[in-house]
């Protein structure tokens, strides 16, 4: 059902960003991983078939299942962790897009890496 919904909104010219939520932390049941892969595949399809920005995000601020994370990384679909961090990234990128006139935004991956570095630096203190 999730992929069908994505297909329905993918063609809407009024939508420039598709942010897909899926919580699949490390250690979940295999059927959850399979469902997450279907959603990840739908995100990759959007990326390949449109010029819309697309990302997956988790409401959890911990690691995502490695199989799904690897698939997203290989297909250059950003995966954001944590509701607050995701909201901040989307808000910031929308502001940047408005000021620059760019269509969509491709820097979510960089934001995620910066977020991870800050987190690691805070842990090291």
PDB file of N, CA and C in Angstrom:
ATOM      1  N   UNK A   1       0.814  -1.188   0.000  1.00  0.00           N
ATOM      2  CA  UNK A   1       0.000   0.000   0.000  1.00  0.00           C
ATOM      3  C   UNK A   1       0.863   1.259   0.000  1.00  0.00           C
ATOM      4  N   UNK A   2       1.941   1.269   0.764  1.00  0.00           N
ATOM      5  CA  UNK A   2       2.823   2.432   0.845  1.00  0.00           C
ATOM      6  C   UNK A   2       3.370   2.796  -0.536  1.00  0.00           C
ATOM      7  N   UNK A   3       3.930   1.821  -1.287  1.00  0.00           N
ATOM      8  CA  UNK A   3       4.414   2.167  -2.632  1.00  0.00           C
ATOM      9  C   UNK A   3       3.327   2.724  -3.541  1.00  0.00           C
ATOM     10  N   UNK A   4       2.107   2.229  -3.425  1.00  0.00           N
ATOM     11  CA  UNK A   4       1.012   2.741  -4.250  1.00  0.00           C
ATOM     12  C   UNK A   4       0.705   4.198  -3.897  1.00  0.00           C
ATOM     13  N   UNK A   5       0.760   4.532  -2.636  1.00  0.00           N
ATOM     14  CA  UNK A   5       0.535   5.925  -2.209  1.00  0.00           C
ATOM     15  C   UNK A   5       1.623   6.836  -2.769  1.00  0.00           C
ATOM     16  N   UNK A   6       2.861   6.359  -2.732  1.00  0.00           N
ATOM     17  CA  UNK A   6       3.973   7.144  -3.267  1.00  0.00           C
ATOM     18  C   UNK A   6       3.768   7.385  -4.754  1.00  0.00           C
ATOM     19  N   UNK A   7       3.333   6.353  -5.465  1.00  0.00           N
ATOM     20  CA  UNK A   7       3.069   6.512  -6.903  1.00  0.00           C
ATOM     21  C   UNK A   7       1.999   7.558  -7.147  1.00  0.00           C
ATOM     22  N   UNK A   8       1.003   7.592  -6.306  1.00  0.00           N
ATOM     23  CA  UNK A   8      -0.099   8.543  -6.477  1.00  0.00           C
ATOM     24  C   UNK A   8       0.359   9.986  -6.292  1.00  0.00           C
ATOM     25  N   UNK A   9       1.233  10.238  -5.345  1.00  0.00           N
ATOM     26  CA  UNK A   9       1.673  11.625  -5.105  1.00  0.00           C
ATOM     27  C   UNK A   9       2.886  12.014  -5.940  1.00  0.00           C
ATOM     28  N   UNK A  10       3.552  11.026  -6.512  1.00  0.00           N
ATOM     29  CA  UNK A  10       4.762  11.285  -7.279  1.00  0.00           C
ATOM     30  C   UNK A  10       4.495  12.197  -8.473  1.00  0.00           C
ATOM     31  N   UNK A  11       3.323  12.086  -9.064  1.00  0.00           N
ATOM     32  CA  UNK A  11       3.008  12.862 -10.262  1.00  0.00           C
ATOM     33  C   UNK A  11       2.370  14.214  -9.972  1.00  0.00           C
ATOM     34  N   UNK A  12       2.132  14.513  -8.714  1.00  0.00           N
ATOM     35  CA  UNK A  12       1.494  15.779  -8.345  1.00  0.00           C
ATOM     36  C   UNK A  12       2.505  16.919  -8.483  1.00  0.00           C
ATOM     37  N   UNK A  13       2.249  17.886  -9.378  1.00  0.00           N
ATOM     38  CA  UNK A  13       3.206  18.980  -9.578  1.00  0.00           C
ATOM     39  C   UNK A  13       3.312  19.919  -8.373  1.00  0.00           C
ATOM     40  N   UNK A  14       2.366  19.858  -7.460  1.00  0.00           N
ATOM     41  CA  UNK A  14       2.406  20.710  -6.273  1.00  0.00           C
ATOM     42  C   UNK A  14       3.260  20.158  -5.155  1.00  0.00           C
ATOM     43  N   UNK A  15       3.808  18.976  -5.349  1.00  0.00           N
ATOM     44  CA  UNK A  15       4.635  18.342  -4.316  1.00  0.00           C
ATOM     45  C   UNK A  15       6.074  18.308  -4.792  1.00  0.00           C
ATOM     46  N   UNK A  16       6.966  18.885  -3.999  1.00  0.00           N
ATOM     47  CA  UNK A  16       8.380  18.921  -4.361  1.00  0.00           C
ATOM     48  C   UNK A  16       9.244  18.033  -3.493  1.00  0.00           C
ATOM     49  N   UNK A  17       8.688  17.570  -2.390  1.00  0.00           N
ATOM     50  CA  UNK A  17       9.437  16.739  -1.453  1.00  0.00           C
ATOM     51  C   UNK A  17       8.566  15.579  -1.006  1.00  0.00           C
ATOM     52  N   UNK A  18       9.119  14.390  -1.042  1.00  0.00           N
ATOM     53  CA  UNK A  18       8.434  13.227  -0.504  1.00  0.00           C
ATOM     54  C   UNK A  18       9.311  12.703   0.629  1.00  0.00           C
ATOM     55  N   UNK A  19       8.844  12.882   1.848  1.00  0.00           N
ATOM     56  CA  UNK A  19       9.553  12.401   3.040  1.00  0.00           C
ATOM     57  C   UNK A  19       8.776  11.204   3.573  1.00  0.00           C
ATOM     58  N   UNK A  20       9.407  10.063   3.555  1.00  0.00           N
ATOM     59  CA  UNK A  20       8.754   8.814   3.907  1.00  0.00           C
ATOM     60  C   UNK A  20       9.241   8.341   5.268  1.00  0.00           C
ATOM     61  N   UNK A  21       8.310   8.041   6.146  1.00  0.00           N
ATOM     62  CA  UNK A  21       8.663   7.611   7.495  1.00  0.00           C
ATOM     63  C   UNK A  21       8.642   6.091   7.604  1.00  0.00           C
ATOM     64  N   UNK A  22       9.704   5.556   8.180  1.00  0.00           N
ATOM     65  CA  UNK A  22       9.755   4.115   8.438  1.00  0.00           C
ATOM     66  C   UNK A  22      10.745   3.858   9.573  1.00  0.00           C
ATOM     67  N   UNK A  23      10.263   3.246  10.620  1.00  0.00           N
ATOM     68  CA  UNK A  23      11.104   2.902  11.762  1.00  0.00           C
ATOM     69  C   UNK A  23      11.506   1.436  11.660  1.00  0.00           C
ATOM     70  N   UNK A  24      12.763   1.189  11.402  1.00  0.00           N
ATOM     71  CA  UNK A  24      13.271  -0.185  11.330  1.00  0.00           C
ATOM     72  C   UNK A  24      14.607  -0.248  12.045  1.00  0.00           C
ATOM     73  N   UNK A  25      14.578  -0.204  13.370  1.00  0.00           N
ATOM     74  CA  UNK A  25      15.839  -0.258  14.107  1.00  0.00           C
ATOM     75  C   UNK A  25      16.494  -1.634  13.993  1.00  0.00           C
ATOM     76  N   UNK A  26      17.749  -1.695  14.320  1.00  0.00           N
ATOM     77  CA  UNK A  26      18.497  -2.948  14.312  1.00  0.00           C
ATOM     78  C   UNK A  26      17.795  -3.954  15.221  1.00  0.00           C
ATOM     79  N   UNK A  27      17.681  -5.188  14.732  1.00  0.00           N
ATOM     80  CA  UNK A  27      17.134  -6.254  15.557  1.00  0.00           C
ATOM     81  C   UNK A  27      15.650  -6.535  15.399  1.00  0.00           C
ATOM     82  N   UNK A  28      14.977  -5.886  14.457  1.00  0.00           N
ATOM     83  CA  UNK A  28      13.542  -6.148  14.274  1.00  0.00           C
ATOM     84  C   UNK A  28      13.342  -7.446  13.501  1.00  0.00           C
ATOM     85  N   UNK A  29      12.110  -7.911  13.476  1.00  0.00           N
ATOM     86  CA  UNK A  29      11.771  -9.147  12.776  1.00  0.00           C
ATOM     87  C   UNK A  29      12.027  -9.007  11.273  1.00  0.00           C
ATOM     88  N   UNK A  30      12.330 -10.107  10.631  1.00  0.00           N
ATOM     89  CA  UNK A  30      12.616 -10.125   9.191  1.00  0.00           C
ATOM     90  C   UNK A  30      11.466  -9.540   8.373  1.00  0.00           C
ATOM     91  N   UNK A  31      10.234  -9.783   8.763  1.00  0.00           N
ATOM     92  CA  UNK A  31       9.099  -9.239   7.990  1.00  0.00           C
ATOM     93  C   UNK A  31       9.096  -7.705   8.022  1.00  0.00           C
ATOM     94  N   UNK A  32       9.585  -7.117   9.109  1.00  0.00           N
ATOM     95  CA  UNK A  32       9.690  -5.652   9.188  1.00  0.00           C
ATOM     96  C   UNK A  32      10.774  -5.135   8.249  1.00  0.00           C
ATOM     97  N   UNK A  33      11.858  -5.875   8.160  1.00  0.00           N
ATOM     98  CA  UNK A  33      12.938  -5.497   7.242  1.00  0.00           C
ATOM     99  C   UNK A  33      12.438  -5.589   5.800  1.00  0.00           C
ATOM    100  N   UNK A  34      11.700  -6.640   5.495  1.00  0.00           N
ATOM    101  CA  UNK A  34      11.150  -6.794   4.138  1.00  0.00           C
ATOM    102  C   UNK A  34      10.210  -5.638   3.792  1.00  0.00           C
ATOM    103  N   UNK A  35       9.383  -5.235   4.737  1.00  0.00           N
ATOM    104  CA  UNK A  35       8.483  -4.097   4.505  1.00  0.00           C
ATOM    105  C   UNK A  35       9.282  -2.810   4.312  1.00  0.00           C
ATOM    106  N   UNK A  36      10.320  -2.642   5.104  1.00  0.00           N
ATOM    107  CA  UNK A  36      11.167  -1.458   4.957  1.00  0.00           C
ATOM    108  C   UNK A  36      11.859  -1.437   3.605  1.00  0.00           C
ATOM    109  N   UNK A  37      12.262  -2.602   3.108  1.00  0.00           N
ATOM    110  CA  UNK A  37      12.890  -2.663   1.785  1.00  0.00           C
ATOM    111  C   UNK A  37      11.904  -2.251   0.695  1.00  0.00           C
ATOM    112  N   UNK A  38      10.653  -2.624   0.828  1.00  0.00           N
ATOM    113  CA  UNK A  38       9.645  -2.210  -0.158  1.00  0.00           C
ATOM    114  C   UNK A  38       9.500  -0.684  -0.171  1.00  0.00           C
ATOM    115  N   UNK A  39       9.537  -0.101   0.999  1.00  0.00           N
ATOM    116  CA  UNK A  39       9.420   1.359   1.097  1.00  0.00           C
ATOM    117  C   UNK A  39      10.683   2.022   0.554  1.00  0.00           C
ATOM    118  N   UNK A  40      11.838   1.462   0.873  1.00  0.00           N
ATOM    119  CA  UNK A  40      13.098   1.988   0.346  1.00  0.00           C
ATOM    120  C   UNK A  40      13.121   1.888  -1.178  1.00  0.00           C
ATOM    121  N   UNK A  41      12.644   0.783  -1.727  1.00  0.00           N
ATOM    122  CA  UNK A  41      12.570   0.623  -3.181  1.00  0.00           C
ATOM    123  C   UNK A  41      11.645   1.661  -3.813  1.00  0.00           C
ATOM    124  N   UNK A  42      10.546   1.966  -3.139  1.00  0.00           N
ATOM    125  CA  UNK A  42       9.640   3.009  -3.642  1.00  0.00           C
ATOM    126  C   UNK A  42      10.338   4.367  -3.635  1.00  0.00           C
ATOM    127  N   UNK A  43      11.128   4.641  -2.614  1.00  0.00           N
ATOM    128  CA  UNK A  43      11.863   5.910  -2.544  1.00  0.00           C
ATOM    129  C   UNK A  43      12.882   6.007  -3.672  1.00  0.00           C
ATOM    130  N   UNK A  44      13.582   4.920  -3.941  1.00  0.00           N
ATOM    131  CA  UNK A  44      14.563   4.910  -5.025  1.00  0.00           C
ATOM    132  C   UNK A  44      13.865   5.119  -6.369  1.00  0.00           C
ATOM    133  N   UNK A  45      12.714   4.516  -6.537  1.00  0.00           N
ATOM    134  CA  UNK A  45      11.949   4.694  -7.782  1.00  0.00           C
ATOM    135  C   UNK A  45      11.579   6.164  -7.979  1.00  0.00           C
ATOM    136  N   UNK A  46      11.118   6.822  -6.915  1.00  0.00           N
ATOM    137  CA  UNK A  46      10.787   8.249  -7.000  1.00  0.00           C
ATOM    138  C   UNK A  46      12.011   9.033  -7.431  1.00  0.00           C
ATOM    139  N   UNK A  47      13.144   8.740  -6.804  1.00  0.00           N
ATOM    140  CA  UNK A  47      14.380   9.451  -7.122  1.00  0.00           C
ATOM    141  C   UNK A  47      14.753   9.288  -8.595  1.00  0.00           C
ATOM    142  N   UNK A  48      14.571   8.086  -9.127  1.00  0.00           N
ATOM    143  CA  UNK A  48      14.961   7.820 -10.508  1.00  0.00           C
ATOM    144  C   UNK A  48      13.962   8.354 -11.530  1.00  0.00           C
ATOM    145  N   UNK A  49      12.681   8.414 -11.157  1.00  0.00           N
ATOM    146  CA  UNK A  49      11.645   8.753 -12.127  1.00  0.00           C
ATOM    147  C   UNK A  49      11.173  10.200 -12.083  1.00  0.00           C
ATOM    148  N   UNK A  50      11.602  10.950 -11.066  1.00  0.00           N
ATOM    149  CA  UNK A  50      11.174  12.347 -10.959  1.00  0.00           C
ATOM    150  C   UNK A  50      12.346  13.226 -10.562  1.00  0.00           C
ATOM    151  N   UNK A  51      12.096  14.525 -10.538  1.00  0.00           N
ATOM    152  CA  UNK A  51      13.118  15.442 -10.031  1.00  0.00           C
ATOM    153  C   UNK A  51      12.782  15.886  -8.606  1.00  0.00           C
ATOM    154  N   UNK A  52      11.848  15.210  -7.987  1.00  0.00           N
ATOM    155  CA  UNK A  52      11.441  15.559  -6.622  1.00  0.00           C
ATOM    156  C   UNK A  52      12.504  15.103  -5.624  1.00  0.00           C
ATOM    157  N   UNK A  53      12.624  15.858  -4.563  1.00  0.00           N
ATOM    158  CA  UNK A  53      13.488  15.445  -3.468  1.00  0.00           C
ATOM    159  C   UNK A  53      12.786  14.330  -2.706  1.00  0.00           C
ATOM    160  N   UNK A  54      13.545  13.355  -2.265  1.00  0.00           N
ATOM    161  CA  UNK A  54      12.961  12.243  -1.527  1.00  0.00           C
ATOM    162  C   UNK A  54      13.927  11.839  -0.418  1.00  0.00           C
ATOM    163  N   UNK A  55      13.358  11.479   0.714  1.00  0.00           N
ATOM    164  CA  UNK A  55      14.166  10.954   1.805  1.00  0.00           C
ATOM    165  C   UNK A  55      13.317  10.002   2.636  1.00  0.00           C
ATOM    166  N   UNK A  56      13.983   9.151   3.366  1.00  0.00           N
ATOM    167  CA  UNK A  56      13.336   8.321   4.369  1.00  0.00           C
ATOM    168  C   UNK A  56      13.781   8.850   5.716  1.00  0.00           C
ATOM    169  N   UNK A  57      12.903   8.720   6.693  1.00  0.00           N
ATOM    170  CA  UNK A  57      13.315   9.107   8.033  1.00  0.00           C
ATOM    171  C   UNK A  57      12.716   8.172   9.059  1.00  0.00           C
ATOM    172  N   UNK A  58      13.396   8.106  10.172  1.00  0.00           N
ATOM    173  CA  UNK A  58      12.947   7.295  11.296  1.00  0.00           C
ATOM    174  C   UNK A  58      12.640   8.223  12.457  1.00  0.00           C
ATOM    175  N   UNK A  59      11.672   7.858  13.240  1.00  0.00           N
ATOM    176  CA  UNK A  59      11.375   8.629  14.445  1.00  0.00           C
ATOM    177  C   UNK A  59      12.365   8.333  15.561  1.00  0.00           C
ATOM    178  N   UNK A  60      13.145   7.290  15.375  1.00  0.00           N
ATOM    179  CA  UNK A  60      14.161   6.912  16.358  1.00  0.00           C
ATOM    180  C   UNK A  60      15.491   7.559  16.003  1.00  0.00           C
ATOM    181  N   UNK A  61      16.274   7.878  17.004  1.00  0.00           N
ATOM    182  CA  UNK A  61      17.589   8.475  16.775  1.00  0.00           C
ATOM    183  C   UNK A  61      18.696   7.436  16.923  1.00  0.00           C
ATOM    184  N   UNK A  62      18.385   6.217  16.598  1.00  0.00           N
ATOM    185  CA  UNK A  62      19.412   5.175  16.662  1.00  0.00           C
ATOM    186  C   UNK A  62      19.536   4.504  15.302  1.00  0.00           C
ATOM    187  N   UNK A  63      20.493   3.599  15.187  1.00  0.00           N
ATOM    188  CA  UNK A  63      20.805   2.989  13.906  1.00  0.00           C
ATOM    189  C   UNK A  63      19.617   2.280  13.271  1.00  0.00           C
ATOM    190  N   UNK A  64      19.594   2.372  11.962  1.00  0.00           N
ATOM    191  CA  UNK A  64      18.595   1.745  11.117  1.00  0.00           C
ATOM    192  C   UNK A  64      19.126   0.369  10.713  1.00  0.00           C
ATOM    193  N   UNK A  65      18.256  -0.544  10.356  1.00  0.00           N
ATOM    194  CA  UNK A  65      18.693  -1.862   9.912  1.00  0.00           C
ATOM    195  C   UNK A  65      19.764  -1.707   8.830  1.00  0.00           C
ATOM    196  N   UNK A  66      20.905  -2.390   8.963  1.00  0.00           N
ATOM    197  CA  UNK A  66      22.019  -2.190   8.028  1.00  0.00           C
ATOM    198  C   UNK A  66      21.713  -2.552   6.577  1.00  0.00           C
ATOM    199  N   UNK A  67      20.896  -3.560   6.342  1.00  0.00           N
ATOM    200  CA  UNK A  67      20.559  -3.959   4.970  1.00  0.00           C
ATOM    201  C   UNK A  67      19.800  -2.835   4.258  1.00  0.00           C
ATOM    202  N   UNK A  68      18.829  -2.264   4.931  1.00  0.00           N
ATOM    203  CA  UNK A  68      18.028  -1.192   4.344  1.00  0.00           C
ATOM    204  C   UNK A  68      18.874   0.077   4.209  1.00  0.00           C
ATOM    205  N   UNK A  69      19.655   0.385   5.236  1.00  0.00           N
ATOM    206  CA  UNK A  69      20.510   1.576   5.195  1.00  0.00           C
ATOM    207  C   UNK A  69      21.505   1.490   4.038  1.00  0.00           C
ATOM    208  N   UNK A  70      22.081   0.325   3.827  1.00  0.00           N
ATOM    209  CA  UNK A  70      23.040   0.129   2.734  1.00  0.00           C
ATOM    210  C   UNK A  70      22.353   0.345   1.370  1.00  0.00           C
ATOM    211  N   UNK A  71      21.168  -0.197   1.214  1.00  0.00           N
ATOM    212  CA  UNK A  71      20.418  -0.040  -0.039  1.00  0.00           C
ATOM    213  C   UNK A  71      20.146   1.440  -0.324  1.00  0.00           C
ATOM    214  N   UNK A  72      19.719   2.167   0.692  1.00  0.00           N
ATOM    215  CA  UNK A  72      19.444   3.597   0.520  1.00  0.00           C
ATOM    216  C   UNK A  72      20.726   4.353   0.173  1.00  0.00           C
ATOM    217  N   UNK A  73      21.800   4.051   0.881  1.00  0.00           N
ATOM    218  CA  UNK A  73      23.080   4.715   0.642  1.00  0.00           C
ATOM    219  C   UNK A  73      23.559   4.449  -0.792  1.00  0.00           C
ATOM    220  N   UNK A  74      23.496   3.185  -1.225  1.00  0.00           N
ATOM    221  CA  UNK A  74      23.940   2.829  -2.577  1.00  0.00           C
ATOM    222  C   UNK A  74      23.133   3.556  -3.650  1.00  0.00           C
ATOM    223  N   UNK A  75      21.892   3.880  -3.343  1.00  0.00           N
ATOM    224  CA  UNK A  75      21.023   4.563  -4.304  1.00  0.00           C
ATOM    225  C   UNK A  75      20.884   6.050  -4.025  1.00  0.00           C
ATOM    226  N   UNK A  76      21.710   6.547  -3.128  1.00  0.00           N
ATOM    227  CA  UNK A  76      21.801   7.972  -2.803  1.00  0.00           C
ATOM    228  C   UNK A  76      20.470   8.582  -2.375  1.00  0.00           C
ATOM    229  N   UNK A  77      19.727   7.839  -1.565  1.00  0.00           N
ATOM    230  CA  UNK A  77      18.507   8.363  -0.957  1.00  0.00           C
ATOM    231  C   UNK A  77      18.834   8.645   0.502  1.00  0.00           C
ATOM    232  N   UNK A  78      18.723   9.892   0.926  1.00  0.00           N
ATOM    233  CA  UNK A  78      19.047  10.223   2.320  1.00  0.00           C
ATOM    234  C   UNK A  78      18.147   9.504   3.313  1.00  0.00           C
ATOM    235  N   UNK A  79      18.747   9.100   4.410  1.00  0.00           N
ATOM    236  CA  UNK A  79      18.000   8.509   5.511  1.00  0.00           C
ATOM    237  C   UNK A  79      18.309   9.325   6.760  1.00  0.00           C
ATOM    238  N   UNK A  80      17.292   9.943   7.311  1.00  0.00           N
ATOM    239  CA  UNK A  80      17.459  10.797   8.484  1.00  0.00           C
ATOM    240  C   UNK A  80      16.950  10.072   9.721  1.00  0.00           C
ATOM    241  N   UNK A  81      17.604  10.333  10.835  1.00  0.00           N
ATOM    242  CA  UNK A  81      17.246   9.651  12.068  1.00  0.00           C
ATOM    243  C   UNK A  81      16.776  10.651  13.109  1.00  0.00           C
ATOM    244  N   UNK A  82      15.624  10.348  13.706  1.00  0.00           N
ATOM    245  CA  UNK A  82      15.075  11.182  14.764  1.00  0.00           C
ATOM    246  C   UNK A  82      14.093  12.201  14.219  1.00  0.00           C
ATOM    247  N   UNK A  83      12.976  12.319  14.881  1.00  0.00           N
ATOM    248  CA  UNK A  83      11.924  13.230  14.432  1.00  0.00           C
ATOM    249  C   UNK A  83      12.382  14.681  14.469  1.00  0.00           C
ATOM    250  N   UNK A  84      13.003  15.075  15.555  1.00  0.00           N
ATOM    251  CA  UNK A  84      13.442  16.471  15.676  1.00  0.00           C
ATOM    252  C   UNK A  84      14.501  16.817  14.634  1.00  0.00           C
ATOM    253  N   UNK A  85      15.479  15.938  14.460  1.00  0.00           N
ATOM    254  CA  UNK A  85      16.532  16.185  13.475  1.00  0.00           C
ATOM    255  C   UNK A  85      15.988  16.230  12.059  1.00  0.00           C
ATOM    256  N   UNK A  86      15.041  15.358  11.766  1.00  0.00           N
ATOM    257  CA  UNK A  86      14.428  15.340  10.440  1.00  0.00           C
ATOM    258  C   UNK A  86      13.647  16.620  10.191  1.00  0.00           C
ATOM    259  N   UNK A  87      12.854  17.026  11.156  1.00  0.00           N
ATOM    260  CA  UNK A  87      12.079  18.267  11.017  1.00  0.00           C
ATOM    261  C   UNK A  87      12.994  19.461  10.802  1.00  0.00           C
ATOM    262  N   UNK A  88      14.080  19.504  11.562  1.00  0.00           N
ATOM    263  CA  UNK A  88      15.045  20.599  11.430  1.00  0.00           C
ATOM    264  C   UNK A  88      15.677  20.589  10.035  1.00  0.00           C
ATOM    265  N   UNK A  89      16.085  19.408   9.561  1.00  0.00           N
ATOM    266  CA  UNK A  89      16.727  19.311   8.248  1.00  0.00           C
ATOM    267  C   UNK A  89      15.779  19.746   7.133  1.00  0.00           C
ATOM    268  N   UNK A  90      14.543  19.297   7.205  1.00  0.00           N
ATOM    269  CA  UNK A  90      13.570  19.672   6.178  1.00  0.00           C
ATOM    270  C   UNK A  90      13.299  21.171   6.219  1.00  0.00           C
ATOM    271  N   UNK A  91      13.106  21.711   7.401  1.00  0.00           N
ATOM    272  CA  UNK A  91      12.853  23.149   7.539  1.00  0.00           C
ATOM    273  C   UNK A  91      14.027  23.959   6.993  1.00  0.00           C
ATOM    274  N   UNK A  92      15.227  23.589   7.399  1.00  0.00           N
ATOM    275  CA  UNK A  92      16.411  24.315   6.959  1.00  0.00           C
ATOM    276  C   UNK A  92      16.583  24.243   5.445  1.00  0.00           C
ATOM    277  N   UNK A  93      16.363  23.065   4.892  1.00  0.00           N
ATOM    278  CA  UNK A  93      16.544  22.916   3.460  1.00  0.00           C
ATOM    279  C   UNK A  93      15.474  23.654   2.668  1.00  0.00           C
ATOM    280  N   UNK A  94      14.257  23.674   3.163  1.00  0.00           N
ATOM    281  CA  UNK A  94      13.209  24.440   2.493  1.00  0.00           C
ATOM    282  C   UNK A  94      13.536  25.931   2.497  1.00  0.00           C
ATOM    283  N   UNK A  95      14.061  26.423   3.614  1.00  0.00           N
ATOM    284  CA  UNK A  95      14.477  27.833   3.664  1.00  0.00           C
ATOM    285  C   UNK A  95      15.590  28.093   2.663  1.00  0.00           C
ATOM    286  N   UNK A  96      16.574  27.210   2.597  1.00  0.00           N
ATOM    287  CA  UNK A  96      17.673  27.377   1.650  1.00  0.00           C
ATOM    288  C   UNK A  96      17.174  27.339   0.218  1.00  0.00           C
ATOM    289  N   UNK A  97      16.239  26.451  -0.063  1.00  0.00           N
ATOM    290  CA  UNK A  97      15.685  26.334  -1.405  1.00  0.00           C
ATOM    291  C   UNK A  97      14.946  27.607  -1.796  1.00  0.00           C
ATOM    292  N   UNK A  98      14.182  28.179  -0.871  1.00  0.00           N
ATOM    293  CA  UNK A  98      13.456  29.418  -1.156  1.00  0.00           C
ATOM    294  C   UNK A  98      14.410  30.544  -1.506  1.00  0.00           C
ATOM    295  N   UNK A  99      15.529  30.624  -0.776  1.00  0.00           N
ATOM    296  CA  UNK A  99      16.477  31.716  -1.013  1.00  0.00           C
ATOM    297  C   UNK A  99      17.300  31.515  -2.280  1.00  0.00           C
ATOM    298  N   UNK A 100      17.609  30.273  -2.611  1.00  0.00           N
ATOM    299  CA  UNK A 100      18.482  30.023  -3.753  1.00  0.00           C
ATOM    300  C   UNK A 100      17.720  29.809  -5.050  1.00  0.00           C
ATOM    301  N   UNK A 101      16.419  29.514  -4.950  1.00  0.00           N
ATOM    302  CA  UNK A 101      15.630  29.250  -6.144  1.00  0.00           C
ATOM    303  C   UNK A 101      15.852  27.860  -6.714  1.00  0.00           C
ATOM    304  N   UNK A 102      16.542  27.000  -5.995  1.00  0.00           N
ATOM    305  CA  UNK A 102      16.788  25.639  -6.479  1.00  0.00           C
ATOM    306  C   UNK A 102      15.500  24.832  -6.474  1.00  0.00           C
ATOM    307  N   UNK A 103      15.437  23.871  -7.370  1.00  0.00           N
ATOM    308  CA  UNK A 103      14.316  22.936  -7.401  1.00  0.00           C
ATOM    309  C   UNK A 103      14.721  21.700  -6.616  1.00  0.00           C
ATOM    310  N   UNK A 104      14.118  21.514  -5.471  1.00  0.00           N
ATOM    311  CA  UNK A 104      14.457  20.360  -4.636  1.00  0.00           C
ATOM    312  C   UNK A 104      15.691  20.619  -3.818  1.00  0.00           C
ATOM    313  N   UNK A 105      16.168  19.586  -3.145  1.00  0.00           N
ATOM    314  CA  UNK A 105      17.350  19.718  -2.315  1.00  0.00           C
ATOM    315  C   UNK A 105      18.048  18.394  -2.215  1.00  0.00           C
ATOM    316  N   UNK A 106      19.334  18.469  -2.360  1.00  0.00           N
ATOM    317  CA  UNK A 106      20.140  17.259  -2.453  1.00  0.00           C
ATOM    318  C   UNK A 106      21.103  17.107  -1.275  1.00  0.00           C
ATOM    319  N   UNK A 107      21.044  17.979  -0.293  1.00  0.00           N
ATOM    320  CA  UNK A 107      22.048  17.980   0.763  1.00  0.00           C
ATOM    321  C   UNK A 107      21.627  17.292   2.050  1.00  0.00           C
ATOM    322  N   UNK A 108      20.570  16.498   2.040  1.00  0.00           N
ATOM    323  CA  UNK A 108      20.150  15.825   3.266  1.00  0.00           C
ATOM    324  C   UNK A 108      21.222  14.874   3.782  1.00  0.00           C
ATOM    325  N   UNK A 109      21.896  14.206   2.881  1.00  0.00           N
ATOM    326  CA  UNK A 109      22.939  13.274   3.303  1.00  0.00           C
ATOM    327  C   UNK A 109      24.036  14.023   4.067  1.00  0.00           C
ATOM    328  N   UNK A 110      24.435  15.189   3.554  1.00  0.00           N
ATOM    329  CA  UNK A 110      25.448  15.979   4.244  1.00  0.00           C
ATOM    330  C   UNK A 110      24.967  16.409   5.625  1.00  0.00           C
ATOM    331  N   UNK A 111      23.690  16.771   5.719  1.00  0.00           N
ATOM    332  CA  UNK A 111      23.146  17.161   7.020  1.00  0.00           C
ATOM    333  C   UNK A 111      23.228  15.992   7.995  1.00  0.00           C
ATOM    334  N   UNK A 112      22.887  14.800   7.518  1.00  0.00           N
ATOM    335  CA  UNK A 112      22.915  13.616   8.371  1.00  0.00           C
ATOM    336  C   UNK A 112      24.335  13.352   8.855  1.00  0.00           C
ATOM    337  N   UNK A 113      25.325  13.488   7.964  1.00  0.00           N
ATOM    338  CA  UNK A 113      26.710  13.264   8.359  1.00  0.00           C
ATOM    339  C   UNK A 113      27.150  14.288   9.401  1.00  0.00           C
ATOM    340  N   UNK A 114      26.767  15.545   9.224  1.00  0.00           N
ATOM    341  CA  UNK A 114      27.103  16.581  10.203  1.00  0.00           C
ATOM    342  C   UNK A 114      26.458  16.272  11.543  1.00  0.00           C
ATOM    343  N   UNK A 115      25.202  15.829  11.502  1.00  0.00           N
ATOM    344  CA  UNK A 115      24.477  15.487  12.720  1.00  0.00           C
ATOM    345  C   UNK A 115      25.190  14.352  13.463  1.00  0.00           C
ATOM    346  N   UNK A 116      25.644  13.349  12.712  1.00  0.00           N
ATOM    347  CA  UNK A 116      26.332  12.201  13.297  1.00  0.00           C
ATOM    348  C   UNK A 116      27.664  12.632  13.914  1.00  0.00           C
ATOM    349  N   UNK A 117      28.401  13.512  13.223  1.00  0.00           N
ATOM    350  CA  UNK A 117      29.683  14.002  13.748  1.00  0.00           C
ATOM    351  C   UNK A 117      29.491  14.783  15.046  1.00  0.00           C
ATOM    352  N   UNK A 118      28.447  15.644  15.065  1.00  0.00           N
ATOM    353  CA  UNK A 118      28.185  16.403  16.292  1.00  0.00           C
ATOM    354  C   UNK A 118      27.837  15.467  17.438  1.00  0.00           C
ATOM    355  N   UNK A 119      27.050  14.450  17.146  1.00  0.00           N
ATOM    356  CA  UNK A 119      26.663  13.488  18.150  1.00  0.00           C
ATOM    357  C   UNK A 119      27.887  12.739  18.685  1.00  0.00           C
ATOM    358  N   UNK A 120      28.767  12.321  17.782  1.00  0.00           N
ATOM    359  CA  UNK A 120      29.973  11.601  18.185  1.00  0.00           C
ATOM    360  C   UNK A 120      30.900  12.507  18.986  1.00  0.00           C
ATOM    361  N   UNK A 121      30.990  13.773  18.590  1.00  0.00           N
ATOM    362  CA  UNK A 121      31.830  14.715  19.336  1.00  0.00           C
ATOM    363  C   UNK A 121      31.293  14.940  20.739  1.00  0.00           C
ATOM    364  N   UNK A 122      29.958  15.000  20.867  1.00  0.00           N
ATOM    365  CA  UNK A 122      29.337  15.163  22.183  1.00  0.00           C
ATOM    366  C   UNK A 122      29.559  13.950  23.055  1.00  0.00           C
ATOM    367  N   UNK A 123      29.550  12.774  22.464  1.00  0.00           N
ATOM    368  CA  UNK A 123      29.776  11.525  23.197  1.00  0.00           C
ATOM    369  C   UNK A 123      31.203  11.431  23.674  1.00  0.00           C
ATOM    370  N   UNK A 124      32.143  11.953  22.860  1.00  0.00           N
ATOM    371  CA  UNK A 124      33.556  11.853  23.201  1.00  0.00           C
ATOM    372  C   UNK A 124      33.937  12.773  24.358  1.00  0.00           C
ATOM    373  N   UNK A 125      33.142  13.782  24.624  1.00  0.00           N
ATOM    374  CA  UNK A 125      33.489  14.732  25.687  1.00  0.00           C
ATOM    375  C   UNK A 125      33.365  14.147  27.035  1.00  0.00           C
TER     376      UNK A 125
END
